[in-house]
Amino acid sequence: GGSLRLSCVNSVNIFSFGSMGWYRQVPGKQRELVARITNGGNTNYAD
């Protein structure tokens, strides 16, 4: 029920990339997409 905020600092201009996002992984499972934001500001999330 609690909250956390993750931060990711990039060493270069983030507009150098088509998108940036967050993935997560637990032992024994594949890394999965959590959320992504594109250069144009579009977002998508895991269900």
All heavy atoms as atom14 arrays in JSON, in Angstrom:
{
  "sequence": "GGSLRLSCVNSVNIFSFGSMGWYRQVPGKQRELVARITNGGNTNYAD",
  "atom14_mask": [
    [1, 1, 1, 1, 0, 0, 0, 0, 0, 0, 0, 0, 0, 0],
    [1, 1, 1, 1, 0, 0, 0, 0, 0, 0, 0, 0, 0, 0],
    [1, 1, 1, 1, 1, 1, 0, 0, 0, 0, 0, 0, 0, 0],
    [1, 1, 1, 1, 1, 1, 1, 1, 0, 0, 0, 0, 0, 0],
    [1, 1, 1, 1, 1, 1, 1, 1, 1, 1, 1, 0, 0, 0],
    [1, 1, 1, 1, 1, 1, 1, 1, 0, 0, 0, 0, 0, 0],
    [1, 1, 1, 1, 1, 1, 0, 0, 0, 0, 0, 0, 0, 0],
    [1, 1, 1, 1, 1, 1, 0, 0, 0, 0, 0, 0, 0, 0],
    [1, 1, 1, 1, 1, 1, 1, 0, 0, 0, 0, 0, 0, 0],
    [1, 1, 1, 1, 1, 1, 1, 1, 0, 0, 0, 0, 0, 0],
    [1, 1, 1, 1, 1, 1, 0, 0, 0, 0, 0, 0, 0, 0],
    [1, 1, 1, 1, 1, 1, 1, 0, 0, 0, 0, 0, 0, 0],
    [1, 1, 1, 1, 1, 1, 1, 1, 0, 0, 0, 0, 0, 0],
    [1, 1, 1, 1, 1, 1, 1, 1, 0, 0, 0, 0, 0, 0],
    [1, 1, 1, 1, 1, 1, 1, 1, 1, 1, 1, 0, 0, 0],
    [1, 1, 1, 1, 1, 1, 0, 0, 0, 0, 0, 0, 0, 0],
    [1, 1, 1, 1, 1, 1, 1, 1, 1, 1, 1, 0, 0, 0],
    [1, 1, 1, 1, 0, 0, 0, 0, 0, 0, 0, 0, 0, 0],
    [1, 1, 1, 1, 1, 1, 0, 0, 0, 0, 0, 0, 0, 0],
    [1, 1, 1, 1, 1, 1, 1, 1, 0, 0, 0, 0, 0, 0],
    [1, 1, 1, 1, 0, 0, 0, 0, 0, 0, 0, 0, 0, 0],
    [1, 1, 1, 1, 1, 1, 1, 1, 1, 1, 1, 1, 1, 1],
    [1, 1, 1, 1, 1, 1, 1, 1, 1, 1, 1, 1, 0, 0],
    [1, 1, 1, 1, 1, 1, 1, 1, 1, 1, 1, 0, 0, 0],
    [1, 1, 1, 1, 1, 1, 1, 1, 1, 0, 0, 0, 0, 0],
    [1, 1, 1, 1, 1, 1, 1, 0, 0, 0, 0, 0, 0, 0],
    [1, 1, 1, 1, 1, 1, 1, 0, 0, 0, 0, 0, 0, 0],
    [1, 1, 1, 1, 0, 0, 0, 0, 0, 0, 0, 0, 0, 0],
    [1, 1, 1, 1, 1, 1, 1, 1, 1, 0, 0, 0, 0, 0],
    [1, 1, 1, 1, 1, 1, 1, 1, 1, 0, 0, 0, 0, 0],
    [1, 1, 1, 1, 1, 1, 1, 1, 1, 1, 1, 0, 0, 0],
    [1, 1, 1, 1, 1, 1, 1, 1, 1, 0, 0, 0, 0, 0],
    [1, 1, 1, 1, 1, 1, 1, 1, 0, 0, 0, 0, 0, 0],
    [1, 1, 1, 1, 1, 1, 1, 0, 0, 0, 0, 0, 0, 0],
    [1, 1, 1, 1, 1, 0, 0, 0, 0, 0, 0, 0, 0, 0],
    [1, 1, 1, 1, 1, 1, 1, 1, 1, 1, 1, 0, 0, 0],
    [1, 1, 1, 1, 1, 1, 1, 1, 0, 0, 0, 0, 0, 0],
    [1, 1, 1, 1, 1, 1, 1, 0, 0, 0, 0, 0, 0, 0],
    [1, 1, 1, 1, 1, 1, 1, 1, 0, 0, 0, 0, 0, 0],
    [1, 1, 1, 1, 0, 0, 0, 0, 0, 0, 0, 0, 0, 0],
    [1, 1, 1, 1, 0, 0, 0, 0, 0, 0, 0, 0, 0, 0],
    [1, 1, 1, 1, 1, 1, 1, 1, 0, 0, 0, 0, 0, 0],
    [1, 1, 1, 1, 1, 1, 1, 0, 0, 0, 0, 0, 0, 0],
    [1, 1, 1, 1, 1, 1, 1, 1, 0, 0, 0, 0, 0, 0],
    [1, 1, 1, 1, 1, 1, 1, 1, 1, 1, 1, 1, 0, 0],
    [1, 1, 1, 1, 1, 0, 0, 0, 0, 0, 0, 0, 0, 0],
    [1, 1, 1, 1, 1, 1, 1, 1, 0, 0, 0, 0, 0, 0]
  ],
  "atom14_positions": [
    [[0.8, -1.22, 0.0], [0.0, 0.0, 0.0], [0.83, 1.27, 0.0], [0.28, 2.36, -0.19], [0.0, 0.0, 0.0], [0.0, 0.0, 0.0], [0.0, 0.0, 0.0], [0.0, 0.0, 0.0], [0.0, 0.0, 0.0], [0.0, 0.0, 0.0], [0.0, 0.0, 0.0], [0.0, 0.0, 0.0], [0.0, 0.0, 0.0], [0.0, 0.0, 0.0]],
    [[2.12, 1.14, 0.2], [2.99, 2.3, 0.25], [3.41, 2.78, -1.12], [2.98, 2.26, -2.16], [0.0, 0.0, 0.0], [0.0, 0.0, 0.0], [0.0, 0.0, 0.0], [0.0, 0.0, 0.0], [0.0, 0.0, 0.0], [0.0, 0.0, 0.0], [0.0, 0.0, 0.0], [0.0, 0.0, 0.0], [0.0, 0.0, 0.0], [0.0, 0.0, 0.0]],
    [[4.3, 3.79, -1.12], [4.75, 4.42, -2.36], [6.26, 4.54, -2.37], [6.9, 4.66, -1.33], [4.13, 5.81, -2.5], [2.73, 5.77, -2.58], [0.0, 0.0, 0.0], [0.0, 0.0, 0.0], [0.0, 0.0, 0.0], [0.0, 0.0, 0.0], [0.0, 0.0, 0.0], [0.0, 0.0, 0.0], [0.0, 0.0, 0.0], [0.0, 0.0, 0.0]],
    [[6.79, 4.54, -3.57], [8.2, 4.83, -3.81], [8.3, 5.59, -5.12], [7.46, 5.42, -6.01], [9.04, 3.55, -3.93], [9.41, 2.78, -2.67], [10.12, 1.49, -3.05], [10.29, 3.62, -1.76], [0.0, 0.0, 0.0], [0.0, 0.0, 0.0], [0.0, 0.0, 0.0], [0.0, 0.0, 0.0], [0.0, 0.0, 0.0], [0.0, 0.0, 0.0]],
    [[9.36, 6.4, -5.24], [9.65, 7.03, -6.51], [11.07, 6.67, -6.93], [12.03, 6.97, -6.21], [9.49, 8.55, -6.45], [9.61, 9.19, -7.84], [9.38, 10.67, -7.83], [10.55, 11.44, -7.4], [10.77, 12.7, -7.71], [9.9, 13.36, -8.45], [11.83, 13.33, -7.26], [0.0, 0.0, 0.0], [0.0, 0.0, 0.0], [0.0, 0.0, 0.0]],
    [[11.17, 6.05, -8.09], [12.47, 5.72, -8.66], [12.91, 6.85, -9.59], [12.09, 7.45, -10.27], [12.41, 4.41, -9.44], [11.88, 3.19, -8.69], [11.96, 1.96, -9.6], [12.64, 2.96, -7.41], [0.0, 0.0, 0.0], [0.0, 0.0, 0.0], [0.0, 0.0, 0.0], [0.0, 0.0, 0.0], [0.0, 0.0, 0.0], [0.0, 0.0, 0.0]],
    [[14.21, 7.08, -9.6], [14.8, 8.07, -10.5], [15.88, 7.42, -11.35], [16.58, 6.53, -10.88], [15.43, 9.22, -9.7], [14.47, 9.88, -8.9], [0.0, 0.0, 0.0], [0.0, 0.0, 0.0], [0.0, 0.0, 0.0], [0.0, 0.0, 0.0], [0.0, 0.0, 0.0], [0.0, 0.0, 0.0], [0.0, 0.0, 0.0], [0.0, 0.0, 0.0]],
    [[15.99, 7.89, -12.58], [17.04, 7.41, -13.48], [17.68, 8.62, -14.13], [17.01, 9.33, -14.89], [16.46, 6.48, -14.53], [17.65, 6.04, -15.84], [0.0, 0.0, 0.0], [0.0, 0.0, 0.0], [0.0, 0.0, 0.0], [0.0, 0.0, 0.0], [0.0, 0.0, 0.0], [0.0, 0.0, 0.0], [0.0, 0.0, 0.0], [0.0, 0.0, 0.0]],
    [[18.93, 8.85, -13.82], [19.66, 9.97, -14.4], [20.5, 9.46, -15.56], [21.27, 8.51, -15.41], [20.56, 10.66, -13.35], [21.31, 11.83, -14.0], [19.73, 11.15, -12.18], [0.0, 0.0, 0.0], [0.0, 0.0, 0.0], [0.0, 0.0, 0.0], [0.0, 0.0, 0.0], [0.0, 0.0, 0.0], [0.0, 0.0, 0.0], [0.0, 0.0, 0.0]],
    [[20.32, 10.12, -16.69], [21.04, 9.74, -17.9], [22.26, 10.65, -18.07], [22.19, 11.84, -17.74], [20.1, 9.89, -19.11], [20.58, 9.15, -20.33], [21.76, 9.0, -20.56], [19.64, 8.67, -21.12], [0.0, 0.0, 0.0], [0.0, 0.0, 0.0], [0.0, 0.0, 0.0], [0.0, 0.0, 0.0], [0.0, 0.0, 0.0], [0.0, 0.0, 0.0]],
    [[23.34, 10.1, -18.55], [24.54, 10.92, -18.71], [24.48, 11.79, -19.97], [25.3, 12.7, -20.13], [25.79, 10.02, -18.77], [25.7, 9.12, -19.86], [0.0, 0.0, 0.0], [0.0, 0.0, 0.0], [0.0, 0.0, 0.0], [0.0, 0.0, 0.0], [0.0, 0.0, 0.0], [0.0, 0.0, 0.0], [0.0, 0.0, 0.0], [0.0, 0.0, 0.0]],
    [[23.53, 11.5, -20.86], [23.39, 12.28, -22.09], [21.96, 12.76, -22.21], [21.07, 12.33, -21.48], [23.79, 11.46, -23.33], [25.23, 10.98, -23.22], [22.86, 10.3, -23.55], [0.0, 0.0, 0.0], [0.0, 0.0, 0.0], [0.0, 0.0, 0.0], [0.0, 0.0, 0.0], [0.0, 0.0, 0.0], [0.0, 0.0, 0.0], [0.0, 0.0, 0.0]],
    [[21.74, 13.66, -23.12], [20.42, 14.23, -23.37], [19.41, 13.11, -23.66], [19.64, 12.28, -24.53], [20.5, 15.18, -24.56], [19.23, 15.96, -24.78], [18.13, 15.48, -24.53], [19.38, 17.18, -25.25], [0.0, 0.0, 0.0], [0.0, 0.0, 0.0], [0.0, 0.0, 0.0], [0.0, 0.0, 0.0], [0.0, 0.0, 0.0], [0.0, 0.0, 0.0]],
    [[18.32, 13.11, -22.91], [17.37, 12.0, -23.07], [16.68, 12.04, -24.42], [16.12, 11.03, -24.86], [16.35, 11.96, -21.91], [15.53, 13.25, -21.85], [17.05, 11.7, -20.6], [14.44, 13.21, -20.77], [0.0, 0.0, 0.0], [0.0, 0.0, 0.0], [0.0, 0.0, 0.0], [0.0, 0.0, 0.0], [0.0, 0.0, 0.0], [0.0, 0.0, 0.0]],
    [[16.72, 13.17, -25.11], [16.13, 13.22, -26.45], [17.03, 12.56, -27.49], [16.66, 12.46, -28.66], [15.83, 14.67, -26.84], [14.6, 15.2, -26.17], [14.71, 16.16, -25.19], [13.34, 14.74, -26.5], [13.59, 16.66, -24.54], [12.21, 15.22, -25.87], [12.33, 16.18, -24.88], [0.0, 0.0, 0.0], [0.0, 0.0, 0.0], [0.0, 0.0, 0.0]],
    [[18.19, 12.09, -27.03], [19.04, 11.3, -27.92], [18.46, 9.9, -28.13], [18.93, 9.17, -28.99], [20.45, 11.16, -27.32], [21.06, 12.42, -27.15], [0.0, 0.0, 0.0], [0.0, 0.0, 0.0], [0.0, 0.0, 0.0], [0.0, 0.0, 0.0], [0.0, 0.0, 0.0], [0.0, 0.0, 0.0], [0.0, 0.0, 0.0], [0.0, 0.0, 0.0]],
    [[17.45, 9.57, -27.33], [16.87, 8.24, -27.37], [15.42, 8.3, -27.83], [14.71, 9.24, -27.55], [16.93, 7.6, -25.98], [18.33, 7.53, -25.44], [18.82, 8.55, -24.65], [19.15, 6.48, -25.76], [20.11, 8.51, -24.17], [20.45, 6.43, -25.29], [20.92, 7.45, -24.5], [0.0, 0.0, 0.0], [0.0, 0.0, 0.0], [0.0, 0.0, 0.0]],
    [[15.02, 7.23, -28.52], [13.64, 7.17, -28.97], [12.68, 6.99, -27.81], [11.54, 7.46, -27.86], [0.0, 0.0, 0.0], [0.0, 0.0, 0.0], [0.0, 0.0, 0.0], [0.0, 0.0, 0.0], [0.0, 0.0, 0.0], [0.0, 0.0, 0.0], [0.0, 0.0, 0.0], [0.0, 0.0, 0.0], [0.0, 0.0, 0.0], [0.0, 0.0, 0.0]],
    [[13.12, 6.3, -26.79], [12.29, 6.1, -25.62], [13.16, 5.79, -24.42], [14.32, 5.36, -24.55], [11.29, 4.96, -25.83], [11.96, 3.72, -25.92], [0.0, 0.0, 0.0], [0.0, 0.0, 0.0], [0.0, 0.0, 0.0], [0.0, 0.0, 0.0], [0.0, 0.0, 0.0], [0.0, 0.0, 0.0], [0.0, 0.0, 0.0], [0.0, 0.0, 0.0]],
    [[12.58, 6.01, -23.25], [13.18, 5.57, -22.01], [12.11, 4.87, -21.2], [10.93, 5.18, -21.33], [13.78, 6.73, -21.23], [15.01, 7.32, -21.89], [15.91, 8.46, -20.83], [16.48, 7.38, -19.51], [0.0, 0.0, 0.0], [0.0, 0.0, 0.0], [0.0, 0.0, 0.0], [0.0, 0.0, 0.0], [0.0, 0.0, 0.0], [0.0, 0.0, 0.0]],
    [[12.54, 3.94, -20.37], [11.54, 3.19, -19.63], [12.09, 2.48, -18.42], [13.29, 2.59, -18.11], [0.0, 0.0, 0.0], [0.0, 0.0, 0.0], [0.0, 0.0, 0.0], [0.0, 0.0, 0.0], [0.0, 0.0, 0.0], [0.0, 0.0, 0.0], [0.0, 0.0, 0.0], [0.0, 0.0, 0.0], [0.0, 0.0, 0.0], [0.0, 0.0, 0.0]],
    [[11.21, 1.78, -17.78], [11.53, 0.99, -16.61], [11.1, -0.46, -16.85], [9.99, -0.71, -17.34], [10.83, 1.53, -15.37], [11.35, 2.85, -14.92], [10.89, 4.09, -15.26], [12.45, 3.06, -14.03], [11.64, 5.06, -14.65], [12.6, 4.46, -13.88], [13.31, 2.22, -13.34], [13.59, 5.02, -13.07], [14.3, 2.78, -12.53], [14.43, 4.17, -12.41]],
    [[11.99, -1.37, -16.52], [11.72, -2.79, -16.57], [11.95, -3.35, -15.17], [12.61, -2.72, -14.34], [12.66, -3.49, -17.55], [12.35, -3.22, -19.01], [12.55, -1.96, -19.57], [11.87, -4.23, -19.83], [12.28, -1.72, -20.91], [11.6, -4.01, -21.17], [11.81, -2.75, -21.7], [11.53, -2.52, -23.02], [0.0, 0.0, 0.0], [0.0, 0.0, 0.0]],
    [[11.46, -4.56, -14.93], [11.73, -5.21, -13.67], [11.97, -6.7, -13.9], [11.5, -7.28, -14.88], [10.6, -4.99, -12.67], [9.27, -5.61, -13.04], [8.21, -5.15, -12.04], [6.91, -5.75, -12.33], [5.77, -5.4, -11.73], [5.78, -4.45, -10.8], [4.64, -5.98, -12.05], [0.0, 0.0, 0.0], [0.0, 0.0, 0.0], [0.0, 0.0, 0.0]],
    [[12.67, -7.28, -12.95], [13.01, -8.69, -13.06], [13.08, -9.33, -11.68], [13.63, -8.74, -10.75], [14.35, -8.86, -13.77], [14.7, -10.29, -14.13], [15.91, -10.37, -15.03], [16.76, -9.48, -15.07], [16.01, -11.45, -15.79], [0.0, 0.0, 0.0], [0.0, 0.0, 0.0], [0.0, 0.0, 0.0], [0.0, 0.0, 0.0], [0.0, 0.0, 0.0]],
    [[12.49, -10.52, -11.59], [12.61, -11.34, -10.39], [13.41, -12.57, -10.75], [13.43, -12.98, -11.92], [11.24, -11.72, -9.81], [10.48, -10.47, -9.38], [10.42, -12.52, -10.8], [0.0, 0.0, 0.0], [0.0, 0.0, 0.0], [0.0, 0.0, 0.0], [0.0, 0.0, 0.0], [0.0, 0.0, 0.0], [0.0, 0.0, 0.0], [0.0, 0.0, 0.0]],
    [[14.07, -13.2, -9.78], [14.9, -14.37, -10.07], [14.11, -15.46, -10.78], [12.98, -15.78, -10.4], [15.35, -14.82, -8.68], [15.34, -13.6, -7.86], [14.17, -12.79, -8.37], [0.0, 0.0, 0.0], [0.0, 0.0, 0.0], [0.0, 0.0, 0.0], [0.0, 0.0, 0.0], [0.0, 0.0, 0.0], [0.0, 0.0, 0.0], [0.0, 0.0, 0.0]],
    [[14.68, -16.0, -11.83], [14.06, -17.09, -12.56], [13.05, -16.66, -13.6], [12.47, -17.52, -14.27], [0.0, 0.0, 0.0], [0.0, 0.0, 0.0], [0.0, 0.0, 0.0], [0.0, 0.0, 0.0], [0.0, 0.0, 0.0], [0.0, 0.0, 0.0], [0.0, 0.0, 0.0], [0.0, 0.0, 0.0], [0.0, 0.0, 0.0], [0.0, 0.0, 0.0]],
    [[12.83, -15.36, -13.74], [11.87, -14.87, -14.72], [12.52, -13.88, -15.67], [13.57, -13.3, -15.36], [10.68, -14.21, -14.03], [9.79, -15.18, -13.27], [8.48, -14.52, -12.87], [7.54, -15.5, -12.22], [6.24, -14.88, -11.85], [0.0, 0.0, 0.0], [0.0, 0.0, 0.0], [0.0, 0.0, 0.0], [0.0, 0.0, 0.0], [0.0, 0.0, 0.0]],
    [[11.89, -13.7, -16.81], [12.4, -12.74, -17.79], [12.15, -11.31, -17.32], [11.18, -11.04, -16.59], [11.72, -12.95, -19.14], [12.26, -14.14, -19.93], [11.8, -14.11, -21.37], [10.7, -13.67, -21.68], [12.64, -14.59, -22.26], [0.0, 0.0, 0.0], [0.0, 0.0, 0.0], [0.0, 0.0, 0.0], [0.0, 0.0, 0.0], [0.0, 0.0, 0.0]],
    [[13.03, -10.44, -17.77], [12.82, -9.02, -17.49], [11.58, -8.56, -18.25], [11.39, -8.9, -19.42], [14.06, -8.24, -17.95], [14.16, -6.84, -17.44], [15.52, -6.25, -17.78], [16.6, -6.92, -17.06], [17.86, -6.5, -17.07], [18.2, -5.41, -17.75], [18.79, -7.17, -16.41], [0.0, 0.0, 0.0], [0.0, 0.0, 0.0], [0.0, 0.0, 0.0]],
    [[10.74, -7.77, -17.57], [9.49, -7.35, -18.19], [9.36, -5.83, -18.17], [9.83, -5.16, -17.24], [8.28, -7.96, -17.48], [8.11, -7.54, -16.03], [6.82, -8.05, -15.4], [6.07, -8.79, -16.06], [6.55, -7.67, -14.24], [0.0, 0.0, 0.0], [0.0, 0.0, 0.0], [0.0, 0.0, 0.0], [0.0, 0.0, 0.0], [0.0, 0.0, 0.0]],
    [[8.7, -5.33, -19.18], [8.45, -3.89, -19.26], [7.45, -3.48, -18.19], [6.41, -4.11, -18.02], [7.9, -3.52, -20.64], [7.46, -2.08, -20.82], [8.66, -1.13, -20.79], [6.67, -1.92, -22.11], [0.0, 0.0, 0.0], [0.0, 0.0, 0.0], [0.0, 0.0, 0.0], [0.0, 0.0, 0.0], [0.0, 0.0, 0.0], [0.0, 0.0, 0.0]],
    [[7.76, -2.39, -17.5], [6.84, -1.81, -16.53], [6.18, -0.57, -17.14], [4.95, -0.46, -17.14], [7.57, -1.43, -15.23], [6.62, -0.74, -14.26], [8.21, -2.66, -14.59], [0.0, 0.0, 0.0], [0.0, 0.0, 0.0], [0.0, 0.0, 0.0], [0.0, 0.0, 0.0], [0.0, 0.0, 0.0], [0.0, 0.0, 0.0], [0.0, 0.0, 0.0]],
    [[6.99, 0.34, -17.64], [6.46, 1.57, -18.21], [7.5, 2.17, -19.14], [8.71, 1.98, -18.94], [6.11, 2.58, -17.11], [0.0, 0.0, 0.0], [0.0, 0.0, 0.0], [0.0, 0.0, 0.0], [0.0, 0.0, 0.0], [0.0, 0.0, 0.0], [0.0, 0.0, 0.0], [0.0, 0.0, 0.0], [0.0, 0.0, 0.0], [0.0, 0.0, 0.0]],
    [[7.01, 2.91, -20.15], [7.92, 3.52, -21.12], [7.35, 4.86, -21.55], [6.14, 5.04, -21.61], [8.1, 2.6, -22.31], [9.0, 3.15, -23.41], [9.47, 2.07, -24.37], [8.4, 1.18, -24.75], [8.59, -0.08, -25.11], [9.81, -0.59, -25.16], [7.58, -0.85, -25.45], [0.0, 0.0, 0.0], [0.0, 0.0, 0.0], [0.0, 0.0, 0.0]],
    [[8.25, 5.78, -21.83], [7.85, 7.09, -22.36], [8.69, 7.36, -23.59], [9.91, 7.19, -23.59], [8.01, 8.19, -21.28], [7.5, 9.53, -21.8], [9.46, 8.31, -20.78], [7.29, 10.58, -20.7], [0.0, 0.0, 0.0], [0.0, 0.0, 0.0], [0.0, 0.0, 0.0], [0.0, 0.0, 0.0], [0.0, 0.0, 0.0], [0.0, 0.0, 0.0]],
    [[8.02, 7.77, -24.67], [8.72, 8.02, -25.92], [9.2, 9.47, -26.0], [8.83, 10.31, -25.17], [7.81, 7.74, -27.12], [6.79, 8.74, -27.16], [7.2, 6.36, -27.04], [0.0, 0.0, 0.0], [0.0, 0.0, 0.0], [0.0, 0.0, 0.0], [0.0, 0.0, 0.0], [0.0, 0.0, 0.0], [0.0, 0.0, 0.0], [0.0, 0.0, 0.0]],
    [[9.98, 9.73, -27.02], [10.46, 11.08, -27.27], [9.3, 12.07, -27.39], [9.39, 13.22, -26.95], [11.27, 11.1, -28.56], [12.62, 11.74, -28.36], [12.87, 12.4, -27.37], [13.5, 11.54, -29.32], [0.0, 0.0, 0.0], [0.0, 0.0, 0.0], [0.0, 0.0, 0.0], [0.0, 0.0, 0.0], [0.0, 0.0, 0.0], [0.0, 0.0, 0.0]],
    [[8.22, 11.6, -27.98], [7.05, 12.46, -28.17], [6.18, 12.58, -26.94], [5.17, 13.3, -26.97], [0.0, 0.0, 0.0], [0.0, 0.0, 0.0], [0.0, 0.0, 0.0], [0.0, 0.0, 0.0], [0.0, 0.0, 0.0], [0.0, 0.0, 0.0], [0.0, 0.0, 0.0], [0.0, 0.0, 0.0], [0.0, 0.0, 0.0], [0.0, 0.0, 0.0]],
    [[6.55, 11.88, -25.88], [5.78, 11.98, -24.64], [4.7, 10.93, -24.47], [3.97, 10.95, -23.48], [0.0, 0.0, 0.0], [0.0, 0.0, 0.0], [0.0, 0.0, 0.0], [0.0, 0.0, 0.0], [0.0, 0.0, 0.0], [0.0, 0.0, 0.0], [0.0, 0.0, 0.0], [0.0, 0.0, 0.0], [0.0, 0.0, 0.0], [0.0, 0.0, 0.0]],
    [[4.58, 10.03, -25.42], [3.6, 8.95, -25.28], [4.09, 7.95, -24.24], [5.28, 7.66, -24.14], [3.38, 8.24, -26.61], [2.75, 9.15, -27.64], [1.82, 9.89, -27.33], [3.28, 9.13, -28.85], [0.0, 0.0, 0.0], [0.0, 0.0, 0.0], [0.0, 0.0, 0.0], [0.0, 0.0, 0.0], [0.0, 0.0, 0.0], [0.0, 0.0, 0.0]],
    [[3.14, 7.42, -23.49], [3.48, 6.47, -22.44], [2.72, 5.16, -22.64], [1.63, 5.14, -23.22], [3.16, 7.02, -21.04], [1.76, 7.34, -20.97], [3.97, 8.28, -20.75], [0.0, 0.0, 0.0], [0.0, 0.0, 0.0], [0.0, 0.0, 0.0], [0.0, 0.0, 0.0], [0.0, 0.0, 0.0], [0.0, 0.0, 0.0], [0.0, 0.0, 0.0]],
    [[3.3, 4.09, -22.16], [2.57, 2.84, -22.08], [3.03, 2.08, -20.84], [4.16, 2.26, -20.37], [2.7, 1.99, -23.35], [4.09, 1.51, -23.63], [4.98, 2.28, -23.93], [4.3, 0.19, -23.49], [0.0, 0.0, 0.0], [0.0, 0.0, 0.0], [0.0, 0.0, 0.0], [0.0, 0.0, 0.0], [0.0, 0.0, 0.0], [0.0, 0.0, 0.0]],
    [[2.11, 1.28, -20.32], [2.32, 0.6, -19.04], [1.94, -0.88, -19.15], [1.05, -1.25, -19.92], [1.44, 1.23, -17.96], [1.75, 2.67, -17.66], [1.13, 3.7, -18.34], [2.68, 2.99, -16.67], [1.42, 5.02, -18.07], [2.98, 4.32, -16.38], [2.34, 5.32, -17.08], [2.64, 6.64, -16.8], [0.0, 0.0, 0.0], [0.0, 0.0, 0.0]],
    [[2.59, -1.67, -18.32], [2.14, -3.05, -18.16], [0.76, -3.03, -17.51], [0.46, -2.16, -16.68], [3.12, -3.81, -17.27], [0.0, 0.0, 0.0], [0.0, 0.0, 0.0], [0.0, 0.0, 0.0], [0.0, 0.0, 0.0], [0.0, 0.0, 0.0], [0.0, 0.0, 0.0], [0.0, 0.0, 0.0], [0.0, 0.0, 0.0], [0.0, 0.0, 0.0]],
    [[-0.08, -3.98, -17.9], [-1.44, -4.02, -17.35], [-1.42, -4.11, -15.83], [-2.3, -3.55, -15.16], [-2.2, -5.22, -17.91], [-2.59, -5.03, -19.37], [-2.57, -3.88, -19.84], [-2.9, -6.03, -20.03], [0.0, 0.0, 0.0], [0.0, 0.0, 0.0], [0.0, 0.0, 0.0], [0.0, 0.0, 0.0], [0.0, 0.0, 0.0], [0.0, 0.0, 0.0]]
  ]
}
